[in-house]
Amino acid sequence: LPIWHSNDQHEIVAMEYRTWLEPRPDQLRPLDGVDYSGVPTEPLVKPA
């Protein structure tokens, strides 16, 4: 998410905030027509 941040020099700078969310409608919603197939995806490696 893009955010504004006040740095040590009291300047307002653009930053990026990253977080892990669950793919639930109350947290995330896809945009119509957007292709998500290229997003790096790491399925669970099933243990032996």
All heavy atoms as atom14 arrays in JSON, in Angstrom:
{
  "sequence": "LPIWHSNDQHEIVAMEYRTWLEPRPDQLRPLDGVDYSGVPTEPLVKPA",
  "atom14_mask": [
    [1, 1, 1, 1, 1, 1, 1, 1, 0, 0, 0, 0, 0, 0],
    [1, 1, 1, 1, 1, 1, 1, 0, 0, 0, 0, 0, 0, 0],
    [1, 1, 1, 1, 1, 1, 1, 1, 0, 0, 0, 0, 0, 0],
    [1, 1, 1, 1, 1, 1, 1, 1, 1, 1, 1, 1, 1, 1],
    [1, 1, 1, 1, 1, 1, 1, 1, 1, 1, 0, 0, 0, 0],
    [1, 1, 1, 1, 1, 1, 0, 0, 0, 0, 0, 0, 0, 0],
    [1, 1, 1, 1, 1, 1, 1, 1, 0, 0, 0, 0, 0, 0],
    [1, 1, 1, 1, 1, 1, 1, 1, 0, 0, 0, 0, 0, 0],
    [1, 1, 1, 1, 1, 1, 1, 1, 1, 0, 0, 0, 0, 0],
    [1, 1, 1, 1, 1, 1, 1, 1, 1, 1, 0, 0, 0, 0],
    [1, 1, 1, 1, 1, 1, 1, 1, 1, 0, 0, 0, 0, 0],
    [1, 1, 1, 1, 1, 1, 1, 1, 0, 0, 0, 0, 0, 0],
    [1, 1, 1, 1, 1, 1, 1, 0, 0, 0, 0, 0, 0, 0],
    [1, 1, 1, 1, 1, 0, 0, 0, 0, 0, 0, 0, 0, 0],
    [1, 1, 1, 1, 1, 1, 1, 1, 0, 0, 0, 0, 0, 0],
    [1, 1, 1, 1, 1, 1, 1, 1, 1, 0, 0, 0, 0, 0],
    [1, 1, 1, 1, 1, 1, 1, 1, 1, 1, 1, 1, 0, 0],
    [1, 1, 1, 1, 1, 1, 1, 1, 1, 1, 1, 0, 0, 0],
    [1, 1, 1, 1, 1, 1, 1, 0, 0, 0, 0, 0, 0, 0],
    [1, 1, 1, 1, 1, 1, 1, 1, 1, 1, 1, 1, 1, 1],
    [1, 1, 1, 1, 1, 1, 1, 1, 0, 0, 0, 0, 0, 0],
    [1, 1, 1, 1, 1, 1, 1, 1, 1, 0, 0, 0, 0, 0],
    [1, 1, 1, 1, 1, 1, 1, 0, 0, 0, 0, 0, 0, 0],
    [1, 1, 1, 1, 1, 1, 1, 1, 1, 1, 1, 0, 0, 0],
    [1, 1, 1, 1, 1, 1, 1, 0, 0, 0, 0, 0, 0, 0],
    [1, 1, 1, 1, 1, 1, 1, 1, 0, 0, 0, 0, 0, 0],
    [1, 1, 1, 1, 1, 1, 1, 1, 1, 0, 0, 0, 0, 0],
    [1, 1, 1, 1, 1, 1, 1, 1, 0, 0, 0, 0, 0, 0],
    [1, 1, 1, 1, 1, 1, 1, 1, 1, 1, 1, 0, 0, 0],
    [1, 1, 1, 1, 1, 1, 1, 0, 0, 0, 0, 0, 0, 0],
    [1, 1, 1, 1, 1, 1, 1, 1, 0, 0, 0, 0, 0, 0],
    [1, 1, 1, 1, 1, 1, 1, 1, 0, 0, 0, 0, 0, 0],
    [1, 1, 1, 1, 0, 0, 0, 0, 0, 0, 0, 0, 0, 0],
    [1, 1, 1, 1, 1, 1, 1, 0, 0, 0, 0, 0, 0, 0],
    [1, 1, 1, 1, 1, 1, 1, 1, 0, 0, 0, 0, 0, 0],
    [1, 1, 1, 1, 1, 1, 1, 1, 1, 1, 1, 1, 0, 0],
    [1, 1, 1, 1, 1, 1, 0, 0, 0, 0, 0, 0, 0, 0],
    [1, 1, 1, 1, 0, 0, 0, 0, 0, 0, 0, 0, 0, 0],
    [1, 1, 1, 1, 1, 1, 1, 0, 0, 0, 0, 0, 0, 0],
    [1, 1, 1, 1, 1, 1, 1, 0, 0, 0, 0, 0, 0, 0],
    [1, 1, 1, 1, 1, 1, 1, 0, 0, 0, 0, 0, 0, 0],
    [1, 1, 1, 1, 1, 1, 1, 1, 1, 0, 0, 0, 0, 0],
    [1, 1, 1, 1, 1, 1, 1, 0, 0, 0, 0, 0, 0, 0],
    [1, 1, 1, 1, 1, 1, 1, 1, 0, 0, 0, 0, 0, 0],
    [1, 1, 1, 1, 1, 1, 1, 0, 0, 0, 0, 0, 0, 0],
    [1, 1, 1, 1, 1, 1, 1, 1, 1, 0, 0, 0, 0, 0],
    [1, 1, 1, 1, 1, 1, 1, 0, 0, 0, 0, 0, 0, 0],
    [1, 1, 1, 1, 1, 0, 0, 0, 0, 0, 0, 0, 0, 0]
  ],
  "atom14_positions": [
    [[0.85, -1.19, 0.0], [0.0, 0.0, 0.0], [0.88, 1.23, 0.0], [1.86, 1.3, 0.76], [-0.89, 0.03, 1.24], [-1.88, -1.1, 1.38], [-2.47, -1.12, 2.78], [-2.97, -0.95, 0.34], [0.0, 0.0, 0.0], [0.0, 0.0, 0.0], [0.0, 0.0, 0.0], [0.0, 0.0, 0.0], [0.0, 0.0, 0.0], [0.0, 0.0, 0.0]],
    [[0.55, 2.23, -0.82], [1.32, 3.48, -0.77], [0.88, 4.29, 0.45], [-0.32, 4.37, 0.77], [0.93, 4.18, -2.08], [-0.43, 3.65, -2.39], [-0.49, 2.24, -1.84], [0.0, 0.0, 0.0], [0.0, 0.0, 0.0], [0.0, 0.0, 0.0], [0.0, 0.0, 0.0], [0.0, 0.0, 0.0], [0.0, 0.0, 0.0], [0.0, 0.0, 0.0]],
    [[1.84, 4.83, 1.15], [1.51, 5.66, 2.33], [2.43, 6.88, 2.34], [3.46, 6.91, 1.68], [1.65, 4.88, 3.66], [3.09, 4.4, 3.85], [0.67, 3.74, 3.73], [3.36, 3.84, 5.24], [0.0, 0.0, 0.0], [0.0, 0.0, 0.0], [0.0, 0.0, 0.0], [0.0, 0.0, 0.0], [0.0, 0.0, 0.0], [0.0, 0.0, 0.0]],
    [[2.05, 7.86, 3.15], [2.92, 9.01, 3.41], [3.58, 8.78, 4.76], [2.98, 8.24, 5.68], [2.11, 10.31, 3.44], [1.54, 10.67, 2.11], [0.24, 10.6, 1.74], [2.26, 11.15, 0.98], [0.09, 11.0, 0.44], [1.33, 11.35, -0.06], [3.6, 11.42, 0.72], [1.68, 11.81, -1.31], [3.96, 11.9, -0.53], [3.01, 12.08, -1.52]],
    [[4.84, 9.21, 4.85], [5.6, 8.99, 6.07], [6.43, 10.24, 6.38], [6.98, 10.86, 5.48], [6.52, 7.78, 5.87], [7.5, 7.56, 6.97], [7.13, 7.07, 8.19], [8.84, 7.76, 7.03], [8.2, 6.97, 8.97], [9.25, 7.39, 8.28], [0.0, 0.0, 0.0], [0.0, 0.0, 0.0], [0.0, 0.0, 0.0], [0.0, 0.0, 0.0]],
    [[6.51, 10.56, 7.66], [7.35, 11.68, 8.08], [8.7, 11.1, 8.5], [8.79, 10.32, 9.44], [6.69, 12.4, 9.26], [7.55, 13.42, 9.73], [0.0, 0.0, 0.0], [0.0, 0.0, 0.0], [0.0, 0.0, 0.0], [0.0, 0.0, 0.0], [0.0, 0.0, 0.0], [0.0, 0.0, 0.0], [0.0, 0.0, 0.0], [0.0, 0.0, 0.0]],
    [[9.77, 11.48, 7.8], [11.1, 10.93, 8.11], [11.77, 11.72, 9.24], [11.17, 12.64, 9.82], [11.97, 10.88, 6.85], [12.28, 12.25, 6.28], [12.14, 13.27, 6.95], [12.72, 12.28, 5.02], [0.0, 0.0, 0.0], [0.0, 0.0, 0.0], [0.0, 0.0, 0.0], [0.0, 0.0, 0.0], [0.0, 0.0, 0.0], [0.0, 0.0, 0.0]],
    [[13.02, 11.38, 9.55], [13.75, 12.01, 10.65], [13.99, 13.51, 10.44], [14.2, 14.25, 11.39], [15.09, 11.32, 10.87], [14.92, 9.9, 11.37], [13.83, 9.58, 11.93], [15.86, 9.09, 11.22], [0.0, 0.0, 0.0], [0.0, 0.0, 0.0], [0.0, 0.0, 0.0], [0.0, 0.0, 0.0], [0.0, 0.0, 0.0], [0.0, 0.0, 0.0]],
    [[13.97, 13.93, 9.18], [14.16, 15.35, 8.87], [12.81, 16.08, 8.81], [12.74, 17.21, 8.36], [14.91, 15.54, 7.54], [16.36, 15.09, 7.55], [16.5, 13.57, 7.46], [15.74, 12.91, 6.74], [17.45, 13.03, 8.18], [0.0, 0.0, 0.0], [0.0, 0.0, 0.0], [0.0, 0.0, 0.0], [0.0, 0.0, 0.0], [0.0, 0.0, 0.0]],
    [[11.76, 15.44, 9.26], [10.4, 15.99, 9.27], [9.88, 16.32, 7.87], [9.1, 17.24, 7.69], [10.31, 17.22, 10.2], [10.75, 16.91, 11.58], [10.01, 16.14, 12.45], [11.89, 17.23, 12.25], [10.65, 16.02, 13.59], [11.8, 16.66, 13.5], [0.0, 0.0, 0.0], [0.0, 0.0, 0.0], [0.0, 0.0, 0.0], [0.0, 0.0, 0.0]],
    [[10.35, 15.55, 6.92], [9.85, 15.69, 5.56], [8.78, 14.62, 5.34], [8.89, 13.52, 5.87], [10.98, 15.48, 4.54], [12.12, 16.46, 4.69], [13.33, 16.04, 3.89], [13.63, 14.82, 3.81], [14.0, 16.93, 3.35], [0.0, 0.0, 0.0], [0.0, 0.0, 0.0], [0.0, 0.0, 0.0], [0.0, 0.0, 0.0], [0.0, 0.0, 0.0]],
    [[7.81, 14.93, 4.54], [6.78, 13.96, 4.19], [7.24, 13.28, 2.9], [7.46, 13.94, 1.88], [5.41, 14.63, 3.98], [5.01, 15.44, 5.21], [4.36, 13.6, 3.62], [4.86, 14.61, 6.47], [0.0, 0.0, 0.0], [0.0, 0.0, 0.0], [0.0, 0.0, 0.0], [0.0, 0.0, 0.0], [0.0, 0.0, 0.0], [0.0, 0.0, 0.0]],
    [[7.38, 11.96, 2.97], [7.86, 11.2, 1.82], [6.92, 10.03, 1.55], [6.27, 9.5, 2.45], [9.3, 10.67, 2.06], [10.3, 11.82, 2.15], [9.38, 9.81, 3.29], [0.0, 0.0, 0.0], [0.0, 0.0, 0.0], [0.0, 0.0, 0.0], [0.0, 0.0, 0.0], [0.0, 0.0, 0.0], [0.0, 0.0, 0.0], [0.0, 0.0, 0.0]],
    [[6.88, 9.64, 0.3], [6.07, 8.49, -0.1], [6.81, 7.21, 0.29], [8.03, 7.11, 0.16], [5.82, 8.52, -1.59], [0.0, 0.0, 0.0], [0.0, 0.0, 0.0], [0.0, 0.0, 0.0], [0.0, 0.0, 0.0], [0.0, 0.0, 0.0], [0.0, 0.0, 0.0], [0.0, 0.0, 0.0], [0.0, 0.0, 0.0], [0.0, 0.0, 0.0]],
    [[6.05, 6.25, 0.8], [6.63, 4.95, 1.18], [5.67, 3.85, 0.77], [4.54, 4.11, 0.35], [6.86, 4.88, 2.69], [7.99, 5.76, 3.17], [8.43, 5.37, 4.85], [9.05, 3.72, 4.7], [0.0, 0.0, 0.0], [0.0, 0.0, 0.0], [0.0, 0.0, 0.0], [0.0, 0.0, 0.0], [0.0, 0.0, 0.0], [0.0, 0.0, 0.0]],
    [[6.14, 2.67, 0.96], [5.32, 1.5, 0.68], [5.18, 0.7, 1.98], [6.16, 0.46, 2.67], [5.99, 0.64, -0.39], [5.3, -0.66, -0.66], [6.08, -1.55, -1.61], [7.25, -1.86, -1.31], [5.51, -1.93, -2.63], [0.0, 0.0, 0.0], [0.0, 0.0, 0.0], [0.0, 0.0, 0.0], [0.0, 0.0, 0.0], [0.0, 0.0, 0.0]],
    [[3.96, 0.3, 2.3], [3.7, -0.55, 3.46], [3.29, -1.92, 2.92], [2.42, -2.01, 2.05], [2.56, 0.04, 4.31], [2.15, -0.84, 5.46], [2.92, -0.94, 6.6], [0.98, -1.59, 5.39], [2.54, -1.76, 7.66], [0.59, -2.42, 6.44], [1.39, -2.5, 7.56], [1.02, -3.32, 8.6], [0.0, 0.0, 0.0], [0.0, 0.0, 0.0]],
    [[3.94, -2.98, 3.42], [3.62, -4.34, 2.98], [3.05, -5.13, 4.14], [3.55, -5.04, 5.26], [4.87, -5.05, 2.46], [5.39, -4.48, 1.17], [6.6, -5.24, 0.69], [7.02, -4.73, -0.59], [7.78, -5.39, -1.44], [8.24, -6.58, -1.11], [8.1, -4.86, -2.6], [0.0, 0.0, 0.0], [0.0, 0.0, 0.0], [0.0, 0.0, 0.0]],
    [[2.05, -5.95, 3.81], [1.46, -6.82, 4.84], [0.84, -8.04, 4.18], [0.47, -8.0, 3.0], [0.41, -6.06, 5.67], [0.02, -6.89, 6.77], [-0.81, -5.69, 4.86], [0.0, 0.0, 0.0], [0.0, 0.0, 0.0], [0.0, 0.0, 0.0], [0.0, 0.0, 0.0], [0.0, 0.0, 0.0], [0.0, 0.0, 0.0], [0.0, 0.0, 0.0]],
    [[0.75, -9.12, 4.95], [0.08, -10.34, 4.49], [-1.38, -10.27, 4.93], [-1.67, -9.99, 6.08], [0.73, -11.58, 5.09], [2.08, -11.88, 4.52], [3.28, -11.56, 5.06], [2.37, -12.57, 3.3], [4.31, -11.99, 4.26], [3.76, -12.63, 3.17], [1.58, -13.14, 2.31], [4.39, -13.24, 2.09], [2.21, -13.76, 1.23], [3.6, -13.8, 1.13]],
    [[-2.29, -10.52, 4.01], [-3.72, -10.52, 4.31], [-4.35, -11.82, 3.8], [-3.81, -12.48, 2.91], [-4.42, -9.34, 3.64], [-4.0, -7.96, 4.12], [-4.65, -6.88, 3.24], [-4.39, -7.76, 5.57], [0.0, 0.0, 0.0], [0.0, 0.0, 0.0], [0.0, 0.0, 0.0], [0.0, 0.0, 0.0], [0.0, 0.0, 0.0], [0.0, 0.0, 0.0]],
    [[-5.5, -12.13, 4.37], [-6.25, -13.3, 3.91], [-7.12, -12.88, 2.73], [-7.63, -11.75, 2.71], [-7.11, -13.84, 5.04], [-6.3, -14.37, 6.2], [-7.16, -14.81, 7.37], [-8.4, -14.69, 7.3], [-6.58, -15.28, 8.35], [0.0, 0.0, 0.0], [0.0, 0.0, 0.0], [0.0, 0.0, 0.0], [0.0, 0.0, 0.0], [0.0, 0.0, 0.0]],
    [[-7.32, -13.76, 1.76], [-8.13, -13.39, 0.59], [-9.62, -13.48, 0.91], [-10.37, -14.24, 0.31], [-7.7, -14.41, -0.46], [-7.32, -15.61, 0.34], [-6.7, -15.08, 1.6], [0.0, 0.0, 0.0], [0.0, 0.0, 0.0], [0.0, 0.0, 0.0], [0.0, 0.0, 0.0], [0.0, 0.0, 0.0], [0.0, 0.0, 0.0], [0.0, 0.0, 0.0]],
    [[-10.05, -12.68, 1.88], [-11.46, -12.63, 2.28], [-12.04, -11.3, 1.81], [-11.32, -10.29, 1.77], [-11.59, -12.72, 3.8], [-11.0, -13.97, 4.4], [-11.24, -14.06, 5.9], [-11.44, -12.77, 6.54], [-10.94, -12.45, 7.74], [-10.24, -13.32, 8.43], [-11.18, -11.27, 8.27], [0.0, 0.0, 0.0], [0.0, 0.0, 0.0], [0.0, 0.0, 0.0]],
    [[-13.33, -11.25, 1.52], [-13.92, -9.99, 1.04], [-13.8, -8.84, 2.02], [-13.83, -7.69, 1.61], [-15.4, -10.35, 0.81], [-15.45, -11.84, 0.77], [-14.27, -12.35, 1.52], [0.0, 0.0, 0.0], [0.0, 0.0, 0.0], [0.0, 0.0, 0.0], [0.0, 0.0, 0.0], [0.0, 0.0, 0.0], [0.0, 0.0, 0.0], [0.0, 0.0, 0.0]],
    [[-13.67, -9.13, 3.32], [-13.53, -8.03, 4.28], [-12.08, -7.56, 4.38], [-11.78, -6.64, 5.14], [-14.07, -8.42, 5.66], [-13.31, -9.58, 6.29], [-12.78, -10.44, 5.55], [-13.24, -9.63, 7.53], [0.0, 0.0, 0.0], [0.0, 0.0, 0.0], [0.0, 0.0, 0.0], [0.0, 0.0, 0.0], [0.0, 0.0, 0.0], [0.0, 0.0, 0.0]],
    [[-11.15, -8.16, 3.61], [-9.76, -7.72, 3.59], [-9.27, -7.37, 2.18], [-8.55, -6.41, 2.0], [-8.84, -8.78, 4.2], [-9.04, -8.97, 5.68], [-8.02, -9.93, 6.3], [-7.05, -10.34, 5.68], [-8.26, -10.29, 7.54], [0.0, 0.0, 0.0], [0.0, 0.0, 0.0], [0.0, 0.0, 0.0], [0.0, 0.0, 0.0], [0.0, 0.0, 0.0]],
    [[-9.65, -8.19, 1.21], [-9.18, -8.0, -0.17], [-10.31, -8.26, -1.16], [-11.14, -9.13, -0.94], [-8.06, -8.99, -0.49], [-6.73, -8.8, 0.19], [-5.81, -9.97, -0.13], [-6.09, -7.51, -0.25], [0.0, 0.0, 0.0], [0.0, 0.0, 0.0], [0.0, 0.0, 0.0], [0.0, 0.0, 0.0], [0.0, 0.0, 0.0], [0.0, 0.0, 0.0]],
    [[-10.28, -7.5, -2.26], [-11.22, -7.75, -3.35], [-10.49, -7.57, -4.68], [-9.8, -6.57, -4.87], [-12.4, -6.79, -3.26], [-13.37, -7.13, -2.15], [-14.77, -6.57, -2.38], [-14.84, -5.48, -3.31], [-14.9, -4.19, -2.97], [-14.88, -3.82, -1.72], [-14.98, -3.26, -3.9], [0.0, 0.0, 0.0], [0.0, 0.0, 0.0], [0.0, 0.0, 0.0]],
    [[-10.64, -8.51, -5.57], [-10.01, -8.35, -6.89], [-10.71, -7.25, -7.69], [-11.87, -6.94, -7.45], [-10.2, -9.72, -7.55], [-11.37, -10.31, -6.85], [-11.38, -9.75, -5.45], [0.0, 0.0, 0.0], [0.0, 0.0, 0.0], [0.0, 0.0, 0.0], [0.0, 0.0, 0.0], [0.0, 0.0, 0.0], [0.0, 0.0, 0.0], [0.0, 0.0, 0.0]],
    [[-9.99, -6.69, -8.61], [-10.56, -5.71, -9.53], [-11.04, -6.43, -10.78], [-10.34, -7.33, -11.29], [-9.52, -4.66, -9.91], [-9.14, -3.67, -8.81], [-7.88, -2.92, -9.17], [-10.29, -2.69, -8.6], [0.0, 0.0, 0.0], [0.0, 0.0, 0.0], [0.0, 0.0, 0.0], [0.0, 0.0, 0.0], [0.0, 0.0, 0.0], [0.0, 0.0, 0.0]],
    [[-12.2, -6.08, -11.26], [-12.72, -6.69, -12.49], [-11.77, -6.44, -13.64], [-11.25, -5.33, -13.81], [-14.1, -6.1, -12.84], [-15.18, -6.56, -11.87], [-15.02, -7.63, -11.25], [-16.18, -5.82, -11.72], [0.0, 0.0, 0.0], [0.0, 0.0, 0.0], [0.0, 0.0, 0.0], [0.0, 0.0, 0.0], [0.0, 0.0, 0.0], [0.0, 0.0, 0.0]],
    [[-11.52, -7.5, -14.41], [-10.69, -7.38, -15.6], [-9.19, -7.41, -15.35], [-8.41, -7.33, -16.29], [0.0, 0.0, 0.0], [0.0, 0.0, 0.0], [0.0, 0.0, 0.0], [0.0, 0.0, 0.0], [0.0, 0.0, 0.0], [0.0, 0.0, 0.0], [0.0, 0.0, 0.0], [0.0, 0.0, 0.0], [0.0, 0.0, 0.0], [0.0, 0.0, 0.0]],
    [[-8.76, -7.53, -14.09], [-7.32, -7.57, -13.79], [-6.86, -9.02, -13.79], [-7.5, -9.9, -13.21], [-7.02, -6.89, -12.44], [-5.55, -7.06, -12.07], [-7.39, -5.41, -12.51], [0.0, 0.0, 0.0], [0.0, 0.0, 0.0], [0.0, 0.0, 0.0], [0.0, 0.0, 0.0], [0.0, 0.0, 0.0], [0.0, 0.0, 0.0], [0.0, 0.0, 0.0]],
    [[-5.73, -9.28, -14.46], [-5.17, -10.63, -14.55], [-4.2, -10.85, -13.38], [-3.19, -10.14, -13.28], [-4.45, -10.8, -15.89], [-3.81, -12.17, -16.05], [-4.19, -13.11, -15.31], [-2.92, -12.29, -16.91], [0.0, 0.0, 0.0], [0.0, 0.0, 0.0], [0.0, 0.0, 0.0], [0.0, 0.0, 0.0], [0.0, 0.0, 0.0], [0.0, 0.0, 0.0]],
    [[-4.5, -11.81, -12.53], [-3.65, -12.11, -11.38], [-2.8, -13.37, -11.6], [-2.1, -13.82, -10.7], [-4.5, -12.29, -10.12], [-5.23, -11.02, -9.72], [-6.57, -10.83, -10.02], [-4.55, -10.01, -9.06], [-7.23, -9.67, -9.68], [-5.21, -8.82, -8.7], [-6.54, -8.67, -9.02], [-7.18, -7.5, -8.68], [0.0, 0.0, 0.0], [0.0, 0.0, 0.0]],
    [[-2.82, -13.92, -12.8], [-2.12, -15.18, -13.06], [-0.6, -15.04, -12.99], [0.09, -16.03, -12.76], [-2.51, -15.73, -14.43], [-2.11, -14.85, -15.47], [0.0, 0.0, 0.0], [0.0, 0.0, 0.0], [0.0, 0.0, 0.0], [0.0, 0.0, 0.0], [0.0, 0.0, 0.0], [0.0, 0.0, 0.0], [0.0, 0.0, 0.0], [0.0, 0.0, 0.0]],
    [[-0.06, -13.85, -13.15], [1.39, -13.67, -13.09], [1.94, -13.42, -11.7], [3.14, -13.26, -11.52], [0.0, 0.0, 0.0], [0.0, 0.0, 0.0], [0.0, 0.0, 0.0], [0.0, 0.0, 0.0], [0.0, 0.0, 0.0], [0.0, 0.0, 0.0], [0.0, 0.0, 0.0], [0.0, 0.0, 0.0], [0.0, 0.0, 0.0], [0.0, 0.0, 0.0]],
    [[1.06, -13.39, -10.69], [1.52, -13.13, -9.32], [2.28, -14.35, -8.81], [1.79, -15.48, -8.91], [0.31, -12.83, -8.4], [0.75, -12.69, -6.95], [-0.41, -11.58, -8.86], [0.0, 0.0, 0.0], [0.0, 0.0, 0.0], [0.0, 0.0, 0.0], [0.0, 0.0, 0.0], [0.0, 0.0, 0.0], [0.0, 0.0, 0.0], [0.0, 0.0, 0.0]],
    [[3.5, -14.15, -8.27], [4.24, -15.29, -7.73], [3.4, -16.02, -6.68], [2.86, -15.42, -5.76], [5.47, -14.65, -7.09], [5.62, -13.34, -7.79], [4.22, -12.9, -8.13], [0.0, 0.0, 0.0], [0.0, 0.0, 0.0], [0.0, 0.0, 0.0], [0.0, 0.0, 0.0], [0.0, 0.0, 0.0], [0.0, 0.0, 0.0], [0.0, 0.0, 0.0]],
    [[3.26, -17.32, -6.87], [2.41, -18.13, -6.01], [3.2, -19.3, -5.47], [3.85, -20.01, -6.22], [1.18, -18.64, -6.8], [0.48, -17.49, -7.31], [0.25, -19.45, -5.93], [0.0, 0.0, 0.0], [0.0, 0.0, 0.0], [0.0, 0.0, 0.0], [0.0, 0.0, 0.0], [0.0, 0.0, 0.0], [0.0, 0.0, 0.0], [0.0, 0.0, 0.0]],
    [[3.14, -19.47, -4.15], [3.89, -20.53, -3.48], [2.91, -21.48, -2.8], [2.5, -21.25, -1.66], [4.82, -19.9, -2.44], [5.71, -20.86, -1.73], [6.56, -20.14, -0.69], [6.94, -18.97, -0.89], [6.83, -20.77, 0.34], [0.0, 0.0, 0.0], [0.0, 0.0, 0.0], [0.0, 0.0, 0.0], [0.0, 0.0, 0.0], [0.0, 0.0, 0.0]],
    [[2.52, -22.57, -3.5], [1.62, -23.51, -2.86], [2.35, -24.28, -1.76], [3.57, -24.38, -1.76], [1.19, -24.45, -3.99], [2.26, -24.33, -5.01], [2.88, -22.96, -4.85], [0.0, 0.0, 0.0], [0.0, 0.0, 0.0], [0.0, 0.0, 0.0], [0.0, 0.0, 0.0], [0.0, 0.0, 0.0], [0.0, 0.0, 0.0], [0.0, 0.0, 0.0]],
    [[1.58, -24.79, -0.84], [2.13, -25.57, 0.25], [2.79, -26.81, -0.3], [2.2, -27.53, -1.11], [1.02, -25.96, 1.23], [1.42, -26.85, 2.39], [2.36, -26.1, 3.33], [0.19, -27.29, 3.15], [0.0, 0.0, 0.0], [0.0, 0.0, 0.0], [0.0, 0.0, 0.0], [0.0, 0.0, 0.0], [0.0, 0.0, 0.0], [0.0, 0.0, 0.0]],
    [[4.01, -27.05, 0.11], [4.68, -28.29, -0.26], [4.22, -29.33, 0.75], [4.45, -29.18, 1.94], [6.22, -28.12, -0.24], [6.89, -29.44, -0.53], [6.63, -27.05, -1.23], [0.0, 0.0, 0.0], [0.0, 0.0, 0.0], [0.0, 0.0, 0.0], [0.0, 0.0, 0.0], [0.0, 0.0, 0.0], [0.0, 0.0, 0.0], [0.0, 0.0, 0.0]],
    [[3.55, -30.33, 0.25], [3.02, -31.34, 1.16], [4.15, -32.18, 1.71], [5.03, -32.61, 0.97], [2.01, -32.21, 0.44], [0.83, -31.4, -0.07], [-0.38, -32.24, -0.17], [-1.48, -31.42, -0.76], [-2.49, -31.03, 0.08], [0.0, 0.0, 0.0], [0.0, 0.0, 0.0], [0.0, 0.0, 0.0], [0.0, 0.0, 0.0], [0.0, 0.0, 0.0]],
    [[4.16, -32.38, 3.03], [5.2, -33.22, 3.61], [5.04, -34.66, 3.15], [3.96, -35.08, 2.73], [4.97, -33.09, 5.12], [3.55, -32.66, 5.26], [3.21, -31.91, 4.01], [0.0, 0.0, 0.0], [0.0, 0.0, 0.0], [0.0, 0.0, 0.0], [0.0, 0.0, 0.0], [0.0, 0.0, 0.0], [0.0, 0.0, 0.0], [0.0, 0.0, 0.0]],
    [[6.11, -35.4, 3.25], [6.06, -36.81, 2.91], [5.02, -37.5, 3.8], [4.77, -37.06, 4.92], [7.44, -37.44, 3.13], [0.0, 0.0, 0.0], [0.0, 0.0, 0.0], [0.0, 0.0, 0.0], [0.0, 0.0, 0.0], [0.0, 0.0, 0.0], [0.0, 0.0, 0.0], [0.0, 0.0, 0.0], [0.0, 0.0, 0.0], [0.0, 0.0, 0.0]]
  ]
}
